[in-house]
């Protein structure tokens, strides 16, 4: 079974430290791989299906998603076309500098980790399968109410 990596700045900082010593993947490769996995999962594609679409094995795709193998520019372009996103999508939310990789901001880390969980991705897919927009909006409001959205309490107060 594959080890799960937490897509966090702390994890990127550790990877950065290892990559500086030549031991382990580059943090940018890890970030690009995490974004690849996020988009693939949001679309409900298996590694095998996506791999076939771009002409690679699912094992190679696993290595890309873990950041163990670097994705070439041509392969990244091909993946962006199949996944329906611009190439820049894979670099979104990348820290601006190397020093940012070491900074630990728990709120951003926790938010990204919750977005990357399978449960969250399945919920988002199910939400967008609701055909009627007004029902979708009411569902959204219900979930916010159940979660005790802090913005709602400010508006009510």
N, C-alpha and C. Protein backbone atom coordinates (compact mmCIF):
# COMPACT_ATOMS: atom_id res chain seq x y z
N UNK A 1 0.85 -1.19 0.00
CA UNK A 1 0.00 0.00 0.00
C UNK A 1 0.88 1.24 0.00
N UNK A 2 0.46 2.23 -0.76
CA UNK A 2 1.24 3.46 -0.86
C UNK A 2 1.05 4.33 0.37
N UNK A 3 2.13 4.95 0.77
CA UNK A 3 2.07 5.89 1.89
C UNK A 3 1.36 7.15 1.44
N UNK A 4 0.44 7.63 2.26
CA UNK A 4 -0.25 8.89 1.94
C UNK A 4 0.61 10.05 2.39
N UNK A 5 0.70 11.06 1.54
CA UNK A 5 1.43 12.27 1.90
C UNK A 5 0.44 13.36 2.21
N UNK A 6 0.70 14.09 3.26
CA UNK A 6 -0.15 15.22 3.58
C UNK A 6 0.31 16.43 2.79
N UNK A 7 -0.59 16.99 1.98
CA UNK A 7 -0.21 18.15 1.17
C UNK A 7 -0.18 19.41 2.03
N UNK A 8 0.90 19.60 2.77
CA UNK A 8 0.96 20.74 3.66
C UNK A 8 2.26 21.50 3.45
N UNK A 9 2.27 22.72 3.93
CA UNK A 9 3.50 23.51 3.85
C UNK A 9 4.59 22.87 4.69
N UNK A 10 4.20 22.25 5.81
CA UNK A 10 5.19 21.57 6.64
C UNK A 10 5.83 20.44 5.85
N UNK A 11 5.02 19.69 5.12
CA UNK A 11 5.53 18.61 4.28
C UNK A 11 6.42 19.14 3.18
N UNK A 12 6.02 20.27 2.58
CA UNK A 12 6.85 20.88 1.54
C UNK A 12 8.17 21.37 2.13
N UNK A 13 8.12 21.90 3.35
CA UNK A 13 9.34 22.38 3.99
C UNK A 13 10.31 21.22 4.23
N UNK A 14 9.78 20.09 4.68
CA UNK A 14 10.62 18.92 4.89
C UNK A 14 11.20 18.44 3.57
N UNK A 15 10.37 18.40 2.54
CA UNK A 15 10.84 17.97 1.22
C UNK A 15 11.90 18.92 0.70
N UNK A 16 11.71 20.22 0.94
CA UNK A 16 12.69 21.21 0.49
C UNK A 16 14.03 20.96 1.17
N UNK A 17 13.98 20.68 2.46
CA UNK A 17 15.20 20.41 3.21
C UNK A 17 15.91 19.18 2.65
N UNK A 18 15.16 18.13 2.37
CA UNK A 18 15.74 16.91 1.81
C UNK A 18 16.29 17.14 0.41
N UNK A 19 15.53 17.89 -0.41
CA UNK A 19 15.97 18.10 -1.79
C UNK A 19 17.23 18.95 -1.85
N UNK A 20 17.41 19.86 -0.89
CA UNK A 20 18.62 20.68 -0.85
C UNK A 20 19.85 19.80 -0.61
N UNK A 21 19.64 18.69 0.13
CA UNK A 21 20.74 17.76 0.40
C UNK A 21 20.81 16.67 -0.66
N UNK A 22 19.92 16.71 -1.65
CA UNK A 22 19.93 15.70 -2.69
C UNK A 22 19.23 14.42 -2.28
N UNK A 23 18.42 14.47 -1.21
CA UNK A 23 17.73 13.28 -0.72
C UNK A 23 16.22 13.46 -0.85
N UNK A 24 15.66 13.14 -1.95
CA UNK A 24 14.22 13.21 -2.04
C UNK A 24 13.74 14.16 -3.10
N UNK A 25 12.44 14.12 -3.31
CA UNK A 25 11.86 14.92 -4.39
C UNK A 25 11.88 16.42 -4.10
N UNK A 26 11.88 17.17 -5.16
CA UNK A 26 11.82 18.62 -5.07
C UNK A 26 10.43 19.04 -4.61
N UNK A 27 10.31 20.01 -3.71
CA UNK A 27 8.99 20.42 -3.21
C UNK A 27 8.05 20.93 -4.31
N UNK A 28 8.61 21.49 -5.36
CA UNK A 28 7.76 21.96 -6.46
C UNK A 28 7.16 20.76 -7.19
N UNK A 29 7.96 19.71 -7.37
CA UNK A 29 7.44 18.49 -8.00
C UNK A 29 6.34 17.87 -7.14
N UNK A 30 6.50 17.93 -5.83
CA UNK A 30 5.47 17.42 -4.92
C UNK A 30 4.20 18.24 -5.06
N UNK A 31 4.34 19.56 -5.10
CA UNK A 31 3.17 20.44 -5.23
C UNK A 31 2.44 20.19 -6.54
N UNK A 32 3.18 20.10 -7.64
CA UNK A 32 2.57 19.84 -8.95
C UNK A 32 1.85 18.50 -8.92
N UNK A 33 2.46 17.50 -8.32
CA UNK A 33 1.84 16.18 -8.20
C UNK A 33 0.56 16.21 -7.39
N UNK A 34 0.56 16.99 -6.31
CA UNK A 34 -0.64 17.12 -5.48
C UNK A 34 -1.77 17.77 -6.25
N UNK A 35 -1.43 18.79 -7.03
CA UNK A 35 -2.45 19.47 -7.84
C UNK A 35 -2.99 18.53 -8.93
N UNK A 36 -2.10 17.71 -9.50
CA UNK A 36 -2.51 16.72 -10.49
C UNK A 36 -3.51 15.74 -9.86
N UNK A 37 -3.18 15.23 -8.68
CA UNK A 37 -4.06 14.28 -7.99
C UNK A 37 -5.40 14.95 -7.65
N UNK A 38 -5.35 16.19 -7.18
CA UNK A 38 -6.57 16.91 -6.81
C UNK A 38 -7.51 17.01 -8.01
N UNK A 39 -6.99 17.44 -9.15
CA UNK A 39 -7.83 17.60 -10.35
C UNK A 39 -8.35 16.26 -10.85
N UNK A 40 -7.49 15.24 -10.86
CA UNK A 40 -7.92 13.92 -11.31
C UNK A 40 -9.05 13.40 -10.44
N UNK A 41 -8.90 13.56 -9.14
CA UNK A 41 -9.91 13.07 -8.20
C UNK A 41 -11.20 13.87 -8.32
N UNK A 42 -11.10 15.19 -8.47
CA UNK A 42 -12.30 16.01 -8.65
C UNK A 42 -13.10 15.59 -9.87
N UNK A 43 -12.40 15.15 -10.91
CA UNK A 43 -13.08 14.70 -12.12
C UNK A 43 -13.56 13.25 -12.02
N UNK A 44 -13.17 12.57 -10.94
CA UNK A 44 -13.60 11.19 -10.75
C UNK A 44 -12.87 10.20 -11.64
N UNK A 45 -11.66 10.54 -12.04
CA UNK A 45 -10.87 9.66 -12.90
C UNK A 45 -9.95 8.79 -12.07
N UNK A 46 -9.80 7.54 -12.46
CA UNK A 46 -8.83 6.67 -11.81
C UNK A 46 -7.45 6.97 -12.40
N UNK A 47 -6.42 6.53 -11.70
CA UNK A 47 -5.07 6.70 -12.22
C UNK A 47 -4.92 5.94 -13.53
N UNK A 48 -5.54 4.79 -13.61
CA UNK A 48 -5.44 3.98 -14.83
C UNK A 48 -6.09 4.69 -16.02
N UNK A 49 -7.28 5.26 -15.80
CA UNK A 49 -7.99 5.96 -16.88
C UNK A 49 -7.21 7.16 -17.38
N UNK A 50 -6.71 7.97 -16.45
CA UNK A 50 -5.93 9.14 -16.85
C UNK A 50 -4.63 8.72 -17.52
N UNK A 51 -3.99 7.71 -16.97
CA UNK A 51 -2.75 7.22 -17.56
C UNK A 51 -2.95 6.78 -19.01
N UNK A 52 -4.03 6.05 -19.26
CA UNK A 52 -4.33 5.61 -20.63
C UNK A 52 -4.57 6.80 -21.55
N UNK A 53 -5.25 7.82 -21.03
CA UNK A 53 -5.57 9.00 -21.84
C UNK A 53 -4.32 9.76 -22.29
N UNK A 54 -3.26 9.70 -21.49
CA UNK A 54 -2.03 10.42 -21.84
C UNK A 54 -0.89 9.49 -22.26
N UNK A 55 -1.17 8.20 -22.28
CA UNK A 55 -0.18 7.24 -22.77
C UNK A 55 0.90 6.85 -21.78
N UNK A 56 0.54 6.78 -20.48
CA UNK A 56 1.50 6.32 -19.47
C UNK A 56 0.81 5.28 -18.59
N UNK A 57 1.60 4.55 -17.81
CA UNK A 57 1.03 3.55 -16.90
C UNK A 57 0.50 4.23 -15.64
N UNK A 58 -0.38 3.55 -14.94
CA UNK A 58 -0.88 4.13 -13.69
C UNK A 58 0.24 4.22 -12.67
N UNK A 59 1.24 3.33 -12.77
CA UNK A 59 2.37 3.39 -11.84
C UNK A 59 3.16 4.69 -12.05
N UNK A 60 3.33 5.06 -13.32
CA UNK A 60 4.04 6.31 -13.61
C UNK A 60 3.24 7.50 -13.09
N UNK A 61 1.93 7.45 -13.26
CA UNK A 61 1.08 8.53 -12.75
C UNK A 61 1.19 8.63 -11.23
N UNK A 62 1.26 7.49 -10.55
CA UNK A 62 1.44 7.49 -9.09
C UNK A 62 2.73 8.22 -8.72
N UNK A 63 3.79 7.96 -9.46
CA UNK A 63 5.07 8.61 -9.18
C UNK A 63 4.98 10.11 -9.41
N UNK A 64 4.26 10.52 -10.46
CA UNK A 64 4.05 11.95 -10.69
C UNK A 64 3.30 12.56 -9.52
N UNK A 65 2.23 11.91 -9.09
CA UNK A 65 1.38 12.46 -8.02
C UNK A 65 2.12 12.55 -6.69
N UNK A 66 3.07 11.66 -6.45
CA UNK A 66 3.86 11.72 -5.22
C UNK A 66 5.02 12.69 -5.33
N UNK A 67 5.32 13.14 -6.56
CA UNK A 67 6.47 14.02 -6.75
C UNK A 67 7.76 13.25 -6.87
N UNK A 68 7.66 11.91 -6.91
CA UNK A 68 8.86 11.08 -7.00
C UNK A 68 9.52 11.23 -8.36
N UNK A 69 8.72 11.43 -9.41
CA UNK A 69 9.24 11.67 -10.75
C UNK A 69 8.78 13.05 -11.21
N UNK A 70 9.68 13.76 -11.85
CA UNK A 70 9.38 15.09 -12.37
C UNK A 70 8.60 14.94 -13.68
N UNK A 71 7.59 15.80 -13.86
CA UNK A 71 6.78 15.77 -15.08
C UNK A 71 7.40 16.72 -16.10
N UNK A 72 7.65 16.19 -17.30
CA UNK A 72 8.22 17.04 -18.35
C UNK A 72 7.20 18.08 -18.79
N UNK A 73 7.68 19.12 -19.44
CA UNK A 73 6.80 20.20 -19.90
C UNK A 73 5.76 19.68 -20.89
N UNK A 74 6.19 18.82 -21.81
CA UNK A 74 5.24 18.30 -22.81
C UNK A 74 4.19 17.41 -22.16
N UNK A 75 4.60 16.60 -21.18
CA UNK A 75 3.64 15.73 -20.48
C UNK A 75 2.68 16.59 -19.64
N UNK A 76 3.20 17.62 -18.99
CA UNK A 76 2.34 18.50 -18.19
C UNK A 76 1.32 19.20 -19.08
N UNK A 77 1.75 19.63 -20.24
CA UNK A 77 0.83 20.25 -21.20
C UNK A 77 -0.26 19.27 -21.61
N UNK A 78 0.13 18.04 -21.91
CA UNK A 78 -0.81 17.00 -22.30
C UNK A 78 -1.80 16.71 -21.16
N UNK A 79 -1.31 16.61 -19.94
CA UNK A 79 -2.17 16.38 -18.78
C UNK A 79 -3.16 17.53 -18.60
N UNK A 80 -2.68 18.76 -18.80
CA UNK A 80 -3.57 19.92 -18.64
C UNK A 80 -4.70 19.88 -19.65
N UNK A 81 -4.40 19.44 -20.88
CA UNK A 81 -5.44 19.34 -21.90
C UNK A 81 -6.48 18.28 -21.54
N UNK A 82 -6.01 17.11 -21.12
CA UNK A 82 -6.92 16.02 -20.77
C UNK A 82 -7.77 16.38 -19.55
N UNK A 83 -7.16 17.09 -18.59
CA UNK A 83 -7.87 17.44 -17.35
C UNK A 83 -8.67 18.74 -17.48
N UNK A 84 -8.54 19.41 -18.60
CA UNK A 84 -9.33 20.63 -18.85
C UNK A 84 -8.95 21.81 -17.99
N UNK A 85 -7.66 21.96 -17.73
CA UNK A 85 -7.17 23.10 -16.94
C UNK A 85 -5.96 23.70 -17.65
N UNK A 86 -5.66 24.98 -17.40
CA UNK A 86 -4.43 25.55 -17.96
C UNK A 86 -3.22 24.97 -17.21
N UNK A 87 -2.08 24.97 -17.84
CA UNK A 87 -0.85 24.46 -17.21
C UNK A 87 -0.59 25.16 -15.89
N UNK A 88 -0.94 26.43 -15.81
CA UNK A 88 -0.71 27.20 -14.58
C UNK A 88 -1.47 26.64 -13.39
N UNK A 89 -2.53 25.87 -13.63
CA UNK A 89 -3.30 25.26 -12.54
C UNK A 89 -2.39 24.47 -11.61
N UNK A 90 -1.40 23.77 -12.19
CA UNK A 90 -0.54 22.90 -11.39
C UNK A 90 0.39 23.69 -10.47
N UNK A 91 0.54 24.99 -10.75
CA UNK A 91 1.42 25.83 -9.94
C UNK A 91 0.64 26.78 -9.03
N UNK A 92 -0.69 26.76 -9.13
CA UNK A 92 -1.52 27.60 -8.26
C UNK A 92 -1.23 27.27 -6.80
N UNK A 93 -1.27 28.28 -5.96
CA UNK A 93 -1.05 28.15 -4.52
C UNK A 93 0.37 27.74 -4.15
N UNK A 94 1.29 27.79 -5.10
CA UNK A 94 2.68 27.49 -4.80
C UNK A 94 3.27 28.67 -4.05
N UNK A 95 3.97 28.42 -2.94
CA UNK A 95 4.58 29.53 -2.21
C UNK A 95 5.48 30.35 -3.14
N UNK A 96 5.48 31.66 -2.93
CA UNK A 96 6.21 32.58 -3.81
C UNK A 96 7.72 32.42 -3.72
N UNK A 97 8.22 32.01 -2.57
CA UNK A 97 9.67 31.88 -2.42
C UNK A 97 10.00 30.63 -1.62
N UNK A 98 11.26 30.27 -1.65
CA UNK A 98 11.70 29.10 -0.90
C UNK A 98 11.48 29.30 0.60
N UNK A 99 11.60 30.53 1.10
CA UNK A 99 11.41 30.77 2.53
C UNK A 99 9.97 30.51 2.93
N UNK A 100 9.04 30.68 1.98
CA UNK A 100 7.63 30.41 2.28
C UNK A 100 7.39 28.93 2.51
N UNK A 101 8.26 28.08 1.94
CA UNK A 101 8.09 26.65 2.12
C UNK A 101 8.36 26.24 3.56
N UNK A 102 9.17 27.03 4.24
CA UNK A 102 9.52 26.71 5.61
C UNK A 102 8.52 27.30 6.59
N UNK A 103 7.86 28.39 6.22
CA UNK A 103 6.87 29.02 7.09
C UNK A 103 5.71 28.07 7.31
N UNK A 104 5.23 27.98 8.52
CA UNK A 104 4.13 27.07 8.83
C UNK A 104 2.90 27.88 9.18
N UNK A 105 1.90 27.79 8.35
CA UNK A 105 0.64 28.48 8.59
C UNK A 105 -0.44 27.42 8.72
N UNK A 106 -0.76 27.00 9.96
CA UNK A 106 -1.68 25.89 10.17
C UNK A 106 -3.04 26.05 9.51
N UNK A 107 -3.59 27.24 9.48
CA UNK A 107 -4.93 27.40 8.91
C UNK A 107 -4.94 27.07 7.42
N UNK A 108 -3.95 27.54 6.67
CA UNK A 108 -3.87 27.23 5.24
C UNK A 108 -3.60 25.75 5.03
N UNK A 109 -2.74 25.18 5.85
CA UNK A 109 -2.41 23.76 5.75
C UNK A 109 -3.65 22.91 5.99
N UNK A 110 -4.37 23.22 7.06
CA UNK A 110 -5.57 22.45 7.38
C UNK A 110 -6.61 22.60 6.29
N UNK A 111 -6.76 23.78 5.73
CA UNK A 111 -7.75 23.99 4.68
C UNK A 111 -7.40 23.17 3.45
N UNK A 112 -6.13 23.17 3.05
CA UNK A 112 -5.73 22.40 1.87
C UNK A 112 -5.90 20.91 2.11
N UNK A 113 -5.52 20.44 3.30
CA UNK A 113 -5.66 19.02 3.61
C UNK A 113 -7.12 18.59 3.59
N UNK A 114 -8.02 19.43 4.10
CA UNK A 114 -9.44 19.06 4.09
C UNK A 114 -9.97 19.05 2.67
N UNK A 115 -9.45 19.93 1.80
CA UNK A 115 -9.90 19.95 0.41
C UNK A 115 -9.40 18.73 -0.35
N UNK A 116 -8.29 18.16 0.06
CA UNK A 116 -7.71 17.03 -0.65
C UNK A 116 -8.27 15.69 -0.19
N UNK A 117 -9.06 15.67 0.90
CA UNK A 117 -9.62 14.40 1.37
C UNK A 117 -10.67 13.89 0.40
N UNK A 118 -10.73 12.58 0.25
CA UNK A 118 -11.68 11.94 -0.66
C UNK A 118 -13.12 12.34 -0.32
N UNK A 119 -13.45 12.38 0.96
CA UNK A 119 -14.81 12.73 1.38
C UNK A 119 -15.21 14.11 0.85
N UNK A 120 -14.30 15.06 0.93
CA UNK A 120 -14.58 16.41 0.44
C UNK A 120 -14.80 16.41 -1.07
N UNK A 121 -13.94 15.70 -1.78
CA UNK A 121 -14.04 15.65 -3.23
C UNK A 121 -15.34 14.98 -3.67
N UNK A 122 -15.74 13.91 -2.97
CA UNK A 122 -17.00 13.24 -3.30
C UNK A 122 -18.19 14.16 -3.03
N UNK A 123 -18.12 14.91 -1.94
CA UNK A 123 -19.19 15.85 -1.61
C UNK A 123 -19.32 16.92 -2.70
N UNK A 124 -18.20 17.45 -3.16
CA UNK A 124 -18.22 18.48 -4.21
C UNK A 124 -18.81 17.91 -5.50
N UNK A 125 -18.39 16.70 -5.87
CA UNK A 125 -18.93 16.07 -7.09
C UNK A 125 -20.43 15.87 -6.97
N UNK A 126 -20.89 15.36 -5.81
CA UNK A 126 -22.33 15.13 -5.60
C UNK A 126 -23.10 16.45 -5.66
N UNK A 127 -22.54 17.49 -5.06
CA UNK A 127 -23.17 18.80 -5.06
C UNK A 127 -23.42 19.30 -6.48
N UNK A 128 -22.42 19.16 -7.34
CA UNK A 128 -22.56 19.65 -8.71
C UNK A 128 -23.40 18.73 -9.60
N UNK A 129 -23.74 17.55 -9.09
CA UNK A 129 -24.67 16.69 -9.84
C UNK A 129 -26.13 17.05 -9.56
N UNK A 130 -26.38 17.91 -8.57
CA UNK A 130 -27.75 18.36 -8.31
C UNK A 130 -28.15 19.25 -9.49
N UNK A 131 -29.18 18.83 -10.25
CA UNK A 131 -29.47 19.52 -11.50
C UNK A 131 -30.04 20.93 -11.35
N UNK A 132 -30.85 21.16 -10.34
CA UNK A 132 -31.53 22.45 -10.22
C UNK A 132 -30.70 23.41 -9.37
N UNK A 133 -30.41 24.58 -9.93
CA UNK A 133 -29.55 25.55 -9.25
C UNK A 133 -30.14 26.02 -7.91
N UNK A 134 -31.45 26.23 -7.85
CA UNK A 134 -32.06 26.71 -6.60
C UNK A 134 -31.94 25.65 -5.50
N UNK A 135 -32.03 24.38 -5.86
CA UNK A 135 -31.88 23.31 -4.87
C UNK A 135 -30.42 23.25 -4.41
N UNK A 136 -29.51 23.43 -5.36
CA UNK A 136 -28.09 23.45 -5.01
C UNK A 136 -27.80 24.59 -4.03
N UNK A 137 -28.36 25.76 -4.28
CA UNK A 137 -28.12 26.93 -3.41
C UNK A 137 -28.69 26.68 -2.01
N UNK A 138 -29.89 26.10 -1.94
CA UNK A 138 -30.49 25.80 -0.61
C UNK A 138 -29.67 24.75 0.12
N UNK A 139 -29.14 23.79 -0.62
CA UNK A 139 -28.28 22.76 -0.01
C UNK A 139 -27.03 23.41 0.56
N UNK A 140 -26.45 24.32 -0.19
CA UNK A 140 -25.27 25.05 0.25
C UNK A 140 -25.56 25.81 1.55
N UNK A 141 -26.69 26.51 1.58
CA UNK A 141 -27.07 27.28 2.78
C UNK A 141 -27.31 26.35 3.97
N UNK A 142 -27.92 25.18 3.71
CA UNK A 142 -28.16 24.20 4.78
C UNK A 142 -26.85 23.71 5.38
N UNK A 143 -25.90 23.37 4.53
CA UNK A 143 -24.61 22.88 5.01
C UNK A 143 -23.90 23.96 5.81
N UNK A 144 -23.93 25.20 5.35
CA UNK A 144 -23.31 26.29 6.10
C UNK A 144 -23.96 26.45 7.46
N UNK A 145 -25.29 26.33 7.52
CA UNK A 145 -26.01 26.45 8.79
C UNK A 145 -25.64 25.31 9.73
N UNK A 146 -25.61 24.09 9.21
CA UNK A 146 -25.25 22.93 10.03
C UNK A 146 -23.83 23.04 10.56
N UNK A 147 -22.94 23.63 9.76
CA UNK A 147 -21.54 23.78 10.17
C UNK A 147 -21.34 24.93 11.13
N UNK A 148 -22.37 25.76 11.30
CA UNK A 148 -22.23 26.92 12.19
C UNK A 148 -21.28 27.93 11.59
N UNK A 149 -21.49 28.28 10.33
CA UNK A 149 -20.63 29.23 9.61
C UNK A 149 -20.51 30.53 10.41
N UNK A 150 -19.28 30.93 10.78
CA UNK A 150 -19.08 32.15 11.57
C UNK A 150 -19.60 33.40 10.89
N UNK A 151 -19.58 33.46 9.55
CA UNK A 151 -20.07 34.64 8.85
C UNK A 151 -21.57 34.82 9.08
N UNK A 152 -22.32 33.71 9.20
CA UNK A 152 -23.74 33.81 9.44
C UNK A 152 -24.05 34.41 10.82
N UNK A 153 -23.24 34.05 11.81
CA UNK A 153 -23.47 34.58 13.15
C UNK A 153 -23.17 36.08 13.21
N UNK A 154 -22.20 36.53 12.41
CA UNK A 154 -21.88 37.96 12.35
C UNK A 154 -23.06 38.71 11.72
N UNK A 155 -23.63 38.13 10.64
CA UNK A 155 -24.75 38.77 9.96
C UNK A 155 -25.97 38.81 10.87
N UNK A 156 -26.18 37.74 11.65
CA UNK A 156 -27.35 37.67 12.52
C UNK A 156 -27.22 38.62 13.71
N UNK A 157 -25.96 38.85 14.15
CA UNK A 157 -25.71 39.64 15.36
C UNK A 157 -25.69 41.06 15.12
